[in-house]
Amino acid sequence: MKKAGILVWELTKLAGVMFVALLIYSIINALLLEAAGGMDALEASGLFTVFFLLQTGGVLALITVYYRNRLLPKSKLQLPARDPLSPVWTRRLIGLGIAAIAASYIILFMIIT
């Protein structure tokens, strides 16, 4: 029963981190999209799905690094892959996350100009 409680707590922490990160990011996105002319311009270009998939992938890559390197090593949950990500994988995922987010904004700015 104790292990199930720890697992539920870890999943709650992960869901909480994802909720806060995606909420903040969606507020920023809403402001930027409104300044860029709204969702209609993005939908008319046909790149609506690509834009949001890039952003979601980028944010999830950054959340993965944060969870694996900060939250998981301090947990009581015994997992075989509990160690933080290696520095190489940390740099790769951070770079991939930032590149995906930047690419989505490049798409947005190409559409509005």
PDB file of N, CA and C in Angstrom:
ATOM      1  N   MET A   1       0.819  -1.188   0.000  1.00  0.00           N
ATOM      2  CA  MET A   1       0.000   0.000   0.000  1.00  0.00           C
ATOM      3  C   MET A   1       0.864   1.253   0.000  1.00  0.00           C
ATOM      4  N   LYS A   2       1.991   1.191   0.710  1.00  0.00           N
ATOM      5  CA  LYS A   2       2.876   2.346   0.782  1.00  0.00           C
ATOM      6  C   LYS A   2       3.480   2.646  -0.586  1.00  0.00           C
ATOM      7  N   LYS A   3       3.845   1.593  -1.330  1.00  0.00           N
ATOM      8  CA  LYS A   3       4.409   1.795  -2.663  1.00  0.00           C
ATOM      9  C   LYS A   3       3.396   2.430  -3.606  1.00  0.00           C
ATOM     10  N   ALA A   4       2.146   2.028  -3.479  1.00  0.00           N
ATOM     11  CA  ALA A   4       1.100   2.618  -4.320  1.00  0.00           C
ATOM     12  C   ALA A   4       0.918   4.091  -3.988  1.00  0.00           C
ATOM     13  N   GLY A   5       0.990   4.430  -2.708  1.00  0.00           N
ATOM     14  CA  GLY A   5       0.883   5.831  -2.302  1.00  0.00           C
ATOM     15  C   GLY A   5       2.033   6.667  -2.834  1.00  0.00           C
ATOM     16  N   ILE A   6       3.243   6.106  -2.799  1.00  0.00           N
ATOM     17  CA  ILE A   6       4.408   6.819  -3.330  1.00  0.00           C
ATOM     18  C   ILE A   6       4.264   7.006  -4.836  1.00  0.00           C
ATOM     19  N   LEU A   7       3.791   5.970  -5.528  1.00  0.00           N
ATOM     20  CA  LEU A   7       3.592   6.078  -6.973  1.00  0.00           C
ATOM     21  C   LEU A   7       2.549   7.142  -7.306  1.00  0.00           C
ATOM     22  N   VAL A   8       1.455   7.162  -6.559  1.00  0.00           N
ATOM     23  CA  VAL A   8       0.419   8.179  -6.790  1.00  0.00           C
ATOM     24  C   VAL A   8       0.985   9.571  -6.529  1.00  0.00           C
ATOM     25  N   TRP A   9       1.803   9.717  -5.483  1.00  0.00           N
ATOM     26  CA  TRP A   9       2.410  11.013  -5.184  1.00  0.00           C
ATOM     27  C   TRP A   9       3.343  11.457  -6.312  1.00  0.00           C
ATOM     28  N   GLU A  10       4.153  10.544  -6.827  1.00  0.00           N
ATOM     29  CA  GLU A  10       5.063  10.888  -7.924  1.00  0.00           C
ATOM     30  C   GLU A  10       4.293  11.281  -9.180  1.00  0.00           C
ATOM     31  N   LEU A  11       3.247  10.540  -9.491  1.00  0.00           N
ATOM     32  CA  LEU A  11       2.435  10.889 -10.659  1.00  0.00           C
ATOM     33  C   LEU A  11       1.733  12.229 -10.464  1.00  0.00           C
ATOM     34  N   THR A  12       1.329  12.523  -9.234  1.00  0.00           N
ATOM     35  CA  THR A  12       0.711  13.818  -8.943  1.00  0.00           C
ATOM     36  C   THR A  12       1.723  14.945  -9.104  1.00  0.00           C
ATOM     37  N   LYS A  13       2.953  14.731  -8.633  1.00  0.00           N
ATOM     38  CA  LYS A  13       3.998  15.748  -8.816  1.00  0.00           C
ATOM     39  C   LYS A  13       4.262  15.996 -10.293  1.00  0.00           C
ATOM     40  N   LEU A  14       4.372  14.916 -11.055  1.00  0.00           N
ATOM     41  CA  LEU A  14       4.626  15.054 -12.487  1.00  0.00           C
ATOM     42  C   LEU A  14       3.471  15.768 -13.177  1.00  0.00           C
ATOM     43  N   ALA A  15       2.248  15.389 -12.847  1.00  0.00           N
ATOM     44  CA  ALA A  15       1.083  16.055 -13.445  1.00  0.00           C
ATOM     45  C   ALA A  15       1.026  17.521 -13.037  1.00  0.00           C
ATOM     46  N   GLY A  16       1.388  17.824 -11.802  1.00  0.00           N
ATOM     47  CA  GLY A  16       1.405  19.215 -11.346  1.00  0.00           C
ATOM     48  C   GLY A  16       2.434  20.048 -12.081  1.00  0.00           C
ATOM     49  N   VAL A  17       3.631  19.496 -12.257  1.00  0.00           N
ATOM     50  CA  VAL A  17       4.679  20.212 -12.994  1.00  0.00           C
ATOM     51  C   VAL A  17       4.245  20.439 -14.437  1.00  0.00           C
ATOM     52  N   MET A  18       3.675  19.406 -15.055  1.00  0.00           N
ATOM     53  CA  MET A  18       3.215  19.554 -16.438  1.00  0.00           C
ATOM     54  C   MET A  18       2.089  20.574 -16.543  1.00  0.00           C
ATOM     55  N   PHE A  19       1.168  20.557 -15.592  1.00  0.00           N
ATOM     56  CA  PHE A  19       0.052  21.496 -15.623  1.00  0.00           C
ATOM     57  C   PHE A  19       0.550  22.932 -15.515  1.00  0.00           C
ATOM     58  N   VAL A  20       1.429  23.197 -14.558  1.00  0.00           N
ATOM     59  CA  VAL A  20       1.933  24.561 -14.369  1.00  0.00           C
ATOM     60  C   VAL A  20       2.724  25.016 -15.590  1.00  0.00           C
ATOM     61  N   ALA A  21       3.603  24.152 -16.103  1.00  0.00           N
ATOM     62  CA  ALA A  21       4.416  24.536 -17.261  1.00  0.00           C
ATOM     63  C   ALA A  21       3.544  24.799 -18.486  1.00  0.00           C
ATOM     64  N   LEU A  22       2.596  23.918 -18.742  1.00  0.00           N
ATOM     65  CA  LEU A  22       1.740  24.103 -19.917  1.00  0.00           C
ATOM     66  C   LEU A  22       0.770  25.268 -19.744  1.00  0.00           C
ATOM     67  N   LEU A  23       0.342  25.549 -18.523  1.00  0.00           N
ATOM     68  CA  LEU A  23      -0.528  26.700 -18.279  1.00  0.00           C
ATOM     69  C   LEU A  23       0.211  28.004 -18.554  1.00  0.00           C
ATOM     70  N   ILE A  24       1.412  28.124 -18.014  1.00  0.00           N
ATOM     71  CA  ILE A  24       2.209  29.335 -18.252  1.00  0.00           C
ATOM     72  C   ILE A  24       2.506  29.480 -19.740  1.00  0.00           C
ATOM     73  N   TYR A  25       2.864  28.372 -20.360  1.00  0.00           N
ATOM     74  CA  TYR A  25       3.194  28.430 -21.778  1.00  0.00           C
ATOM     75  C   TYR A  25       1.974  28.760 -22.632  1.00  0.00           C
ATOM     76  N   SER A  26       0.814  28.271 -22.245  1.00  0.00           N
ATOM     77  CA  SER A  26      -0.385  28.578 -23.030  1.00  0.00           C
ATOM     78  C   SER A  26      -0.796  30.037 -22.875  1.00  0.00           C
ATOM     79  N   ILE A  27      -0.571  30.615 -21.715  1.00  0.00           N
ATOM     80  CA  ILE A  27      -0.859  32.042 -21.537  1.00  0.00           C
ATOM     81  C   ILE A  27       0.056  32.875 -22.422  1.00  0.00           C
ATOM     82  N   ILE A  28       1.339  32.531 -22.436  1.00  0.00           N
ATOM     83  CA  ILE A  28       2.291  33.249 -23.301  1.00  0.00           C
ATOM     84  C   ILE A  28       1.895  33.077 -24.764  1.00  0.00           C
ATOM     85  N   ASN A  29       1.533  31.856 -25.144  1.00  0.00           N
ATOM     86  CA  ASN A  29       1.119  31.586 -26.525  1.00  0.00           C
ATOM     87  C   ASN A  29      -0.119  32.370 -26.908  1.00  0.00           C
ATOM     88  N   ALA A  30      -1.086  32.442 -26.001  1.00  0.00           N
ATOM     89  CA  ALA A  30      -2.318  33.176 -26.301  1.00  0.00           C
ATOM     90  C   ALA A  30      -2.013  34.644 -26.570  1.00  0.00           C
ATOM     91  N   LEU A  31      -1.134  35.213 -25.772  1.00  0.00           N
ATOM     92  CA  LEU A  31      -0.772  36.617 -25.978  1.00  0.00           C
ATOM     93  C   LEU A  31      -0.038  36.817 -27.302  1.00  0.00           C
ATOM     94  N   LEU A  32       0.887  35.917 -27.615  1.00  0.00           N
ATOM     95  CA  LEU A  32       1.636  36.046 -28.872  1.00  0.00           C
ATOM     96  C   LEU A  32       0.751  35.805 -30.089  1.00  0.00           C
ATOM     97  N   LEU A  33      -0.130  34.831 -30.003  1.00  0.00           N
ATOM     98  CA  LEU A  33      -1.026  34.569 -31.133  1.00  0.00           C
ATOM     99  C   LEU A  33      -2.010  35.713 -31.342  1.00  0.00           C
ATOM    100  N   GLU A  34      -2.469  36.310 -30.261  1.00  0.00           N
ATOM    101  CA  GLU A  34      -3.373  37.453 -30.391  1.00  0.00           C
ATOM    102  C   GLU A  34      -2.647  38.633 -31.027  1.00  0.00           C
ATOM    103  N   ALA A  35      -1.400  38.834 -30.643  1.00  0.00           N
ATOM    104  CA  ALA A  35      -0.615  39.920 -31.237  1.00  0.00           C
ATOM    105  C   ALA A  35      -0.307  39.643 -32.702  1.00  0.00           C
ATOM    106  N   ALA A  36      -0.245  38.365 -33.082  1.00  0.00           N
ATOM    107  CA  ALA A  36       0.080  37.998 -34.461  1.00  0.00           C
ATOM    108  C   ALA A  36      -1.138  37.964 -35.370  1.00  0.00           C
ATOM    109  N   GLY A  37      -2.308  38.251 -34.852  1.00  0.00           N
ATOM    110  CA  GLY A  37      -3.490  38.280 -35.701  1.00  0.00           C
ATOM    111  C   GLY A  37      -4.490  37.191 -35.412  1.00  0.00           C
ATOM    112  N   GLY A  38      -4.281  36.457 -34.356  1.00  0.00           N
ATOM    113  CA  GLY A  38      -5.250  35.440 -33.969  1.00  0.00           C
ATOM    114  C   GLY A  38      -4.980  34.085 -34.598  1.00  0.00           C
ATOM    115  N   MET A  39      -5.835  33.149 -34.248  1.00  0.00           N
ATOM    116  CA  MET A  39      -5.685  31.771 -34.714  1.00  0.00           C
ATOM    117  C   MET A  39      -6.061  31.613 -36.179  1.00  0.00           C
ATOM    118  N   ASP A  40      -6.845  32.534 -36.702  1.00  0.00           N
ATOM    119  CA  ASP A  40      -7.295  32.408 -38.091  1.00  0.00           C
ATOM    120  C   ASP A  40      -6.130  32.417 -39.067  1.00  0.00           C
ATOM    121  N   ALA A  41      -5.142  33.272 -38.815  1.00  0.00           N
ATOM    122  CA  ALA A  41      -3.983  33.334 -39.706  1.00  0.00           C
ATOM    123  C   ALA A  41      -3.208  32.022 -39.682  1.00  0.00           C
ATOM    124  N   LEU A  42      -3.090  31.436 -38.511  1.00  0.00           N
ATOM    125  CA  LEU A  42      -2.361  30.175 -38.376  1.00  0.00           C
ATOM    126  C   LEU A  42      -3.137  29.022 -39.007  1.00  0.00           C
ATOM    127  N   GLU A  43      -4.437  28.989 -38.812  1.00  0.00           N
ATOM    128  CA  GLU A  43      -5.261  27.925 -39.390  1.00  0.00           C
ATOM    129  C   GLU A  43      -5.322  28.023 -40.907  1.00  0.00           C
ATOM    130  N   ALA A  44      -5.348  29.241 -41.435  1.00  0.00           N
ATOM    131  CA  ALA A  44      -5.435  29.425 -42.884  1.00  0.00           C
ATOM    132  C   ALA A  44      -4.173  28.953 -43.594  1.00  0.00           C
ATOM    133  N   SER A  45      -3.041  28.979 -42.900  1.00  0.00           N
ATOM    134  CA  SER A  45      -1.788  28.582 -43.536  1.00  0.00           C
ATOM    135  C   SER A  45      -1.647  27.067 -43.647  1.00  0.00           C
ATOM    136  N   GLY A  46      -2.402  26.317 -42.862  1.00  0.00           N
ATOM    137  CA  GLY A  46      -2.292  24.864 -42.889  1.00  0.00           C
ATOM    138  C   GLY A  46      -1.191  24.328 -41.993  1.00  0.00           C
ATOM    139  N   LEU A  47      -0.508  25.194 -41.265  1.00  0.00           N
ATOM    140  CA  LEU A  47       0.582  24.774 -40.389  1.00  0.00           C
ATOM    141  C   LEU A  47       0.172  24.754 -38.919  1.00  0.00           C
ATOM    142  N   PHE A  48      -1.111  24.769 -38.678  1.00  0.00           N
ATOM    143  CA  PHE A  48      -1.645  24.798 -37.318  1.00  0.00           C
ATOM    144  C   PHE A  48      -1.149  23.599 -36.505  1.00  0.00           C
ATOM    145  N   THR A  49      -1.270  22.408 -37.053  1.00  0.00           N
ATOM    146  CA  THR A  49      -0.877  21.191 -36.344  1.00  0.00           C
ATOM    147  C   THR A  49       0.624  21.138 -36.123  1.00  0.00           C
ATOM    148  N   VAL A  50       1.391  21.515 -37.128  1.00  0.00           N
ATOM    149  CA  VAL A  50       2.849  21.505 -37.000  1.00  0.00           C
ATOM    150  C   VAL A  50       3.287  22.469 -35.906  1.00  0.00           C
ATOM    151  N   PHE A  51       2.691  23.647 -35.882  1.00  0.00           N
ATOM    152  CA  PHE A  51       3.017  24.667 -34.885  1.00  0.00           C
ATOM    153  C   PHE A  51       2.832  24.122 -33.474  1.00  0.00           C
ATOM    154  N   PHE A  52       1.676  23.541 -33.209  1.00  0.00           N
ATOM    155  CA  PHE A  52       1.401  23.073 -31.853  1.00  0.00           C
ATOM    156  C   PHE A  52       2.119  21.773 -31.512  1.00  0.00           C
ATOM    157  N   LEU A  53       2.379  20.911 -32.474  1.00  0.00           N
ATOM    158  CA  LEU A  53       3.166  19.704 -32.190  1.00  0.00           C
ATOM    159  C   LEU A  53       4.604  20.057 -31.832  1.00  0.00           C
ATOM    160  N   LEU A  54       5.179  21.016 -32.538  1.00  0.00           N
ATOM    161  CA  LEU A  54       6.531  21.457 -32.200  1.00  0.00           C
ATOM    162  C   LEU A  54       6.576  22.048 -30.797  1.00  0.00           C
ATOM    163  N   GLN A  55       5.605  22.870 -30.476  1.00  0.00           N
ATOM    164  CA  GLN A  55       5.595  23.480 -29.149  1.00  0.00           C
ATOM    165  C   GLN A  55       5.382  22.449 -28.048  1.00  0.00           C
ATOM    166  N   THR A  56       4.458  21.539 -28.254  1.00  0.00           N
ATOM    167  CA  THR A  56       4.190  20.521 -27.240  1.00  0.00           C
ATOM    168  C   THR A  56       5.405  19.617 -27.046  1.00  0.00           C
ATOM    169  N   GLY A  57       6.027  19.211 -28.134  1.00  0.00           N
ATOM    170  CA  GLY A  57       7.231  18.388 -28.027  1.00  0.00           C
ATOM    171  C   GLY A  57       8.363  19.104 -27.320  1.00  0.00           C
ATOM    172  N   GLY A  58       8.538  20.377 -27.623  1.00  0.00           N
ATOM    173  CA  GLY A  58       9.589  21.154 -26.972  1.00  0.00           C
ATOM    174  C   GLY A  58       9.362  21.310 -25.487  1.00  0.00           C
ATOM    175  N   VAL A  59       8.142  21.624 -25.109  1.00  0.00           N
ATOM    176  CA  VAL A  59       7.830  21.789 -23.686  1.00  0.00           C
ATOM    177  C   VAL A  59       7.961  20.459 -22.953  1.00  0.00           C
ATOM    178  N   LEU A  60       7.503  19.374 -23.550  1.00  0.00           N
ATOM    179  CA  LEU A  60       7.616  18.068 -22.896  1.00  0.00           C
ATOM    180  C   LEU A  60       9.069  17.616 -22.765  1.00  0.00           C
ATOM    181  N   ALA A  61       9.923  17.965 -23.715  1.00  0.00           N
ATOM    182  CA  ALA A  61      11.351  17.646 -23.586  1.00  0.00           C
ATOM    183  C   ALA A  61      11.957  18.394 -22.403  1.00  0.00           C
ATOM    184  N   LEU A  62      11.599  19.662 -22.240  1.00  0.00           N
ATOM    185  CA  LEU A  62      12.118  20.444 -21.119  1.00  0.00           C
ATOM    186  C   LEU A  62      11.566  19.942 -19.784  1.00  0.00           C
ATOM    187  N   ILE A  63      10.307  19.535 -19.760  1.00  0.00           N
ATOM    188  CA  ILE A  63       9.722  18.978 -18.534  1.00  0.00           C
ATOM    189  C   ILE A  63      10.398  17.656 -18.178  1.00  0.00           C
ATOM    190  N   THR A  64      10.727  16.850 -19.179  1.00  0.00           N
ATOM    191  CA  THR A  64      11.412  15.579 -18.934  1.00  0.00           C
ATOM    192  C   THR A  64      12.756  15.806 -18.263  1.00  0.00           C
ATOM    193  N   VAL A  65      13.511  16.776 -18.758  1.00  0.00           N
ATOM    194  CA  VAL A  65      14.812  17.083 -18.153  1.00  0.00           C
ATOM    195  C   VAL A  65      14.627  17.551 -16.716  1.00  0.00           C
ATOM    196  N   TYR A  66      13.672  18.433 -16.488  1.00  0.00           N
ATOM    197  CA  TYR A  66      13.433  18.939 -15.131  1.00  0.00           C
ATOM    198  C   TYR A  66      13.031  17.811 -14.186  1.00  0.00           C
ATOM    199  N   TYR A  67      12.123  16.959 -14.629  1.00  0.00           N
ATOM    200  CA  TYR A  67      11.654  15.879 -13.761  1.00  0.00           C
ATOM    201  C   TYR A  67      12.760  14.872 -13.479  1.00  0.00           C
ATOM    202  N   ARG A  68      13.455  14.445 -14.512  1.00  0.00           N
ATOM    203  CA  ARG A  68      14.492  13.418 -14.308  1.00  0.00           C
ATOM    204  C   ARG A  68      15.684  13.937 -13.519  1.00  0.00           C
ATOM    205  N   ASN A  69      16.050  15.207 -13.703  1.00  0.00           N
ATOM    206  CA  ASN A  69      17.250  15.717 -13.046  1.00  0.00           C
ATOM    207  C   ASN A  69      16.974  16.360 -11.693  1.00  0.00           C
ATOM    208  N   ARG A  70      15.775  16.844 -11.452  1.00  0.00           N
ATOM    209  CA  ARG A  70      15.479  17.541 -10.198  1.00  0.00           C
ATOM    210  C   ARG A  70      14.538  16.767  -9.278  1.00  0.00           C
ATOM    211  N   LEU A  71      13.444  16.285  -9.799  1.00  0.00           N
ATOM    212  CA  LEU A  71      12.422  15.696  -8.935  1.00  0.00           C
ATOM    213  C   LEU A  71      12.616  14.211  -8.679  1.00  0.00           C
ATOM    214  N   LEU A  72      12.956  13.444  -9.683  1.00  0.00           N
ATOM    215  CA  LEU A  72      13.031  11.991  -9.523  1.00  0.00           C
ATOM    216  C   LEU A  72      14.148  11.532  -8.584  1.00  0.00           C
ATOM    217  N   PRO A  73      15.359  12.119  -8.623  1.00  0.00           N
ATOM    218  CA  PRO A  73      16.390  11.643  -7.690  1.00  0.00           C
ATOM    219  C   PRO A  73      16.036  11.859  -6.217  1.00  0.00           C
ATOM    220  N   LYS A  74      15.165  12.801  -5.917  1.00  0.00           N
ATOM    221  CA  LYS A  74      14.789  13.086  -4.530  1.00  0.00           C
ATOM    222  C   LYS A  74      13.579  12.282  -4.067  1.00  0.00           C
ATOM    223  N   SER A  75      13.004  11.484  -4.945  1.00  0.00           N
ATOM    224  CA  SER A  75      11.783  10.760  -4.582  1.00  0.00           C
ATOM    225  C   SER A  75      12.116   9.469  -3.843  1.00  0.00           C
ATOM    226  N   LYS A  76      11.109   8.927  -3.193  1.00  0.00           N
ATOM    227  CA  LYS A  76      11.256   7.654  -2.489  1.00  0.00           C
ATOM    228  C   LYS A  76      10.884   6.475  -3.368  1.00  0.00           C
ATOM    229  N   LEU A  77      10.462   6.757  -4.575  1.00  0.00           N
ATOM    230  CA  LEU A  77      10.062   5.713  -5.504  1.00  0.00           C
ATOM    231  C   LEU A  77      11.304   4.988  -6.013  1.00  0.00           C
ATOM    232  N   GLN A  78      11.322   3.685  -5.904  1.00  0.00           N
ATOM    233  CA  GLN A  78      12.467   2.890  -6.328  1.00  0.00           C
ATOM    234  C   GLN A  78      12.268   2.437  -7.769  1.00  0.00           C
ATOM    235  N   LEU A  79      12.954   3.094  -8.672  1.00  0.00           N
ATOM    236  CA  LEU A  79      12.885   2.743 -10.086  1.00  0.00           C
ATOM    237  C   LEU A  79      14.273   2.354 -10.566  1.00  0.00           C
ATOM    238  N   PRO A  80      14.364   1.475 -11.559  1.00  0.00           N
ATOM    239  CA  PRO A  80      15.690   1.110 -12.070  1.00  0.00           C
ATOM    240  C   PRO A  80      16.387   2.282 -12.762  1.00  0.00           C
ATOM    241  N   ALA A  81      15.641   3.171 -13.369  1.00  0.00           N
ATOM    242  CA  ALA A  81      16.227   4.318 -14.076  1.00  0.00           C
ATOM    243  C   ALA A  81      15.975   5.593 -13.275  1.00  0.00           C
ATOM    244  N   ARG A  82      16.413   5.587 -12.028  1.00  0.00           N
ATOM    245  CA  ARG A  82      16.152   6.719 -11.143  1.00  0.00           C
ATOM    246  C   ARG A  82      17.232   7.786 -11.224  1.00  0.00           C
ATOM    247  N   ASP A  83      18.359   7.461 -11.784  1.00  0.00           N
ATOM    248  CA  ASP A  83      19.465   8.411 -11.860  1.00  0.00           C
ATOM    249  C   ASP A  83      19.107   9.565 -12.783  1.00  0.00           C
ATOM    250  N   PRO A  84      19.733  10.723 -12.555  1.00  0.00           N
ATOM    251  CA  PRO A  84      19.510  11.845 -13.480  1.00  0.00           C
ATOM    252  C   PRO A  84      20.020  11.497 -14.877  1.00  0.00           C
ATOM    253  N   LEU A  85      19.542  12.232 -15.841  1.00  0.00           N
ATOM    254  CA  LEU A  85      20.026  12.041 -17.206  1.00  0.00           C
ATOM    255  C   LEU A  85      21.504  12.400 -17.271  1.00  0.00           C
ATOM    256  N   SER A  86      22.211  11.769 -18.169  1.00  0.00           N
ATOM    257  CA  SER A  86      23.622  12.105 -18.333  1.00  0.00           C
ATOM    258  C   SER A  86      23.731  13.522 -18.888  1.00  0.00           C
ATOM    259  N   PRO A  87      24.874  14.184 -18.679  1.00  0.00           N
ATOM    260  CA  PRO A  87      25.024  15.544 -19.208  1.00  0.00           C
ATOM    261  C   PRO A  87      24.821  15.627 -20.720  1.00  0.00           C
ATOM    262  N   VAL A  88      25.215  14.583 -21.433  1.00  0.00           N
ATOM    263  CA  VAL A  88      25.036  14.585 -22.889  1.00  0.00           C
ATOM    264  C   VAL A  88      23.551  14.582 -23.239  1.00  0.00           C
ATOM    265  N   TRP A  89      22.776  13.693 -22.600  1.00  0.00           N
ATOM    266  CA  TRP A  89      21.342  13.632 -22.880  1.00  0.00           C
ATOM    267  C   TRP A  89      20.615  14.873 -22.380  1.00  0.00           C
ATOM    268  N   THR A  90      21.098  15.435 -21.280  1.00  0.00           N
ATOM    269  CA  THR A  90      20.494  16.677 -20.786  1.00  0.00           C
ATOM    270  C   THR A  90      20.656  17.783 -21.814  1.00  0.00           C
ATOM    271  N   ARG A  91      21.871  17.940 -22.334  1.00  0.00           N
ATOM    272  CA  ARG A  91      22.113  18.974 -23.360  1.00  0.00           C
ATOM    273  C   ARG A  91      21.306  18.696 -24.617  1.00  0.00           C
ATOM    274  N   ARG A  92      21.230  17.434 -25.022  1.00  0.00           N
ATOM    275  CA  ARG A  92      20.466  17.088 -26.229  1.00  0.00           C
ATOM    276  C   ARG A  92      18.985  17.423 -26.075  1.00  0.00           C
ATOM    277  N   LEU A  93      18.408  17.031 -24.954  1.00  0.00           N
ATOM    278  CA  LEU A  93      16.980  17.283 -24.759  1.00  0.00           C
ATOM    279  C   LEU A  93      16.674  18.767 -24.585  1.00  0.00           C
ATOM    280  N   ILE A  94      17.542  19.488 -23.874  1.00  0.00           N
ATOM    281  CA  ILE A  94      17.332  20.934 -23.738  1.00  0.00           C
ATOM    282  C   ILE A  94      17.466  21.603 -25.093  1.00  0.00           C
ATOM    283  N   GLY A  95      18.480  21.223 -25.854  1.00  0.00           N
ATOM    284  CA  GLY A  95      18.657  21.791 -27.195  1.00  0.00           C
ATOM    285  C   GLY A  95      17.499  21.457 -28.115  1.00  0.00           C
ATOM    286  N   LEU A  96      17.039  20.220 -28.057  1.00  0.00           N
ATOM    287  CA  LEU A  96      15.901  19.799 -28.878  1.00  0.00           C
ATOM    288  C   LEU A  96      14.630  20.546 -28.482  1.00  0.00           C
ATOM    289  N   GLY A  97      14.407  20.700 -27.186  1.00  0.00           N
ATOM    290  CA  GLY A  97      13.226  21.419 -26.717  1.00  0.00           C
ATOM    291  C   GLY A  97      13.237  22.874 -27.140  1.00  0.00           C
ATOM    292  N   ILE A  98      14.364  23.532 -26.962  1.00  0.00           N
ATOM    293  CA  ILE A  98      14.469  24.943 -27.352  1.00  0.00           C
ATOM    294  C   ILE A  98      14.371  25.087 -28.862  1.00  0.00           C
ATOM    295  N   ALA A  99      14.991  24.169 -29.603  1.00  0.00           N
ATOM    296  CA  ALA A  99      14.921  24.241 -31.067  1.00  0.00           C
ATOM    297  C   ALA A  99      13.494  24.033 -31.569  1.00  0.00           C
ATOM    298  N   ALA A 100      12.762  23.118 -30.959  1.00  0.00           N
ATOM    299  CA  ALA A 100      11.374  22.886 -31.381  1.00  0.00           C
ATOM    300  C   ALA A 100      10.505  24.105 -31.102  1.00  0.00           C
ATOM    301  N   ILE A 101      10.680  24.710 -29.940  1.00  0.00           N
ATOM    302  CA  ILE A 101       9.907  25.911 -29.610  1.00  0.00           C
ATOM    303  C   ILE A 101      10.286  27.055 -30.539  1.00  0.00           C
ATOM    304  N   ALA A 102      11.581  27.219 -30.786  1.00  0.00           N
ATOM    305  CA  ALA A 102      12.026  28.283 -31.695  1.00  0.00           C
ATOM    306  C   ALA A 102      11.496  28.052 -33.107  1.00  0.00           C
ATOM    307  N   ALA A 103      11.498  26.807 -33.568  1.00  0.00           N
ATOM    308  CA  ALA A 103      10.985  26.513 -34.914  1.00  0.00           C
ATOM    309  C   ALA A 103       9.502  26.835 -35.020  1.00  0.00           C
ATOM    310  N   SER A 104       8.752  26.587 -33.957  1.00  0.00           N
ATOM    311  CA  SER A 104       7.322  26.911 -34.004  1.00  0.00           C
ATOM    312  C   SER A 104       7.110  28.412 -34.101  1.00  0.00           C
ATOM    313  N   TYR A 105       7.924  29.178 -33.401  1.00  0.00           N
ATOM    314  CA  TYR A 105       7.780  30.633 -33.492  1.00  0.00           C
ATOM    315  C   TYR A 105       8.286  31.174 -34.822  1.00  0.00           C
ATOM    316  N   ILE A 106       9.262  30.519 -35.408  1.00  0.00           N
ATOM    317  CA  ILE A 106       9.699  30.913 -36.756  1.00  0.00           C
ATOM    318  C   ILE A 106       8.558  30.693 -37.742  1.00  0.00           C
ATOM    319  N   ILE A 107       7.855  29.576 -37.607  1.00  0.00           N
ATOM    320  CA  ILE A 107       6.684  29.320 -38.459  1.00  0.00           C
ATOM    321  C   ILE A 107       5.645  30.415 -38.262  1.00  0.00           C
ATOM    322  N   LEU A 108       5.393  30.783 -37.010  1.00  0.00           N
ATOM    323  CA  LEU A 108       4.403  31.823 -36.726  1.00  0.00           C
ATOM    324  C   LEU A 108       4.807  33.154 -37.355  1.00  0.00           C
ATOM    325  N   PHE A 109       6.062  33.530 -37.219  1.00  0.00           N
ATOM    326  CA  PHE A 109       6.494  34.814 -37.765  1.00  0.00           C
ATOM    327  C   PHE A 109       6.572  34.797 -39.286  1.00  0.00           C
ATOM    328  N   MET A 110       6.821  33.621 -39.883  1.00  0.00           N
ATOM    329  CA  MET A 110       6.779  33.526 -41.345  1.00  0.00           C
ATOM    330  C   MET A 110       5.355  33.703 -41.855  1.00  0.00           C
ATOM    331  N   ILE A 111       4.391  33.235 -41.098  1.00  0.00           N
ATOM    332  CA  ILE A 111       2.993  33.348 -41.511  1.00  0.00           C
ATOM    333  C   ILE A 111       2.514  34.792 -41.440  1.00  0.00           C
ATOM    334  N   ILE A 112       2.902  35.503 -40.391  1.00  0.00           N
ATOM    335  CA  ILE A 112       2.365  36.853 -40.219  1.00  0.00           C
ATOM    336  C   ILE A 112       3.098  37.897 -41.040  1.00  0.00           C
ATOM    337  N   THR A 113       4.241  37.555 -41.604  1.00  0.00           N
ATOM    338  CA  THR A 113       4.953  38.549 -42.425  1.00  0.00           C
ATOM    339  C   THR A 113       4.745  38.301 -43.892  1.00  0.00           C
TER     340      THR A 113
END
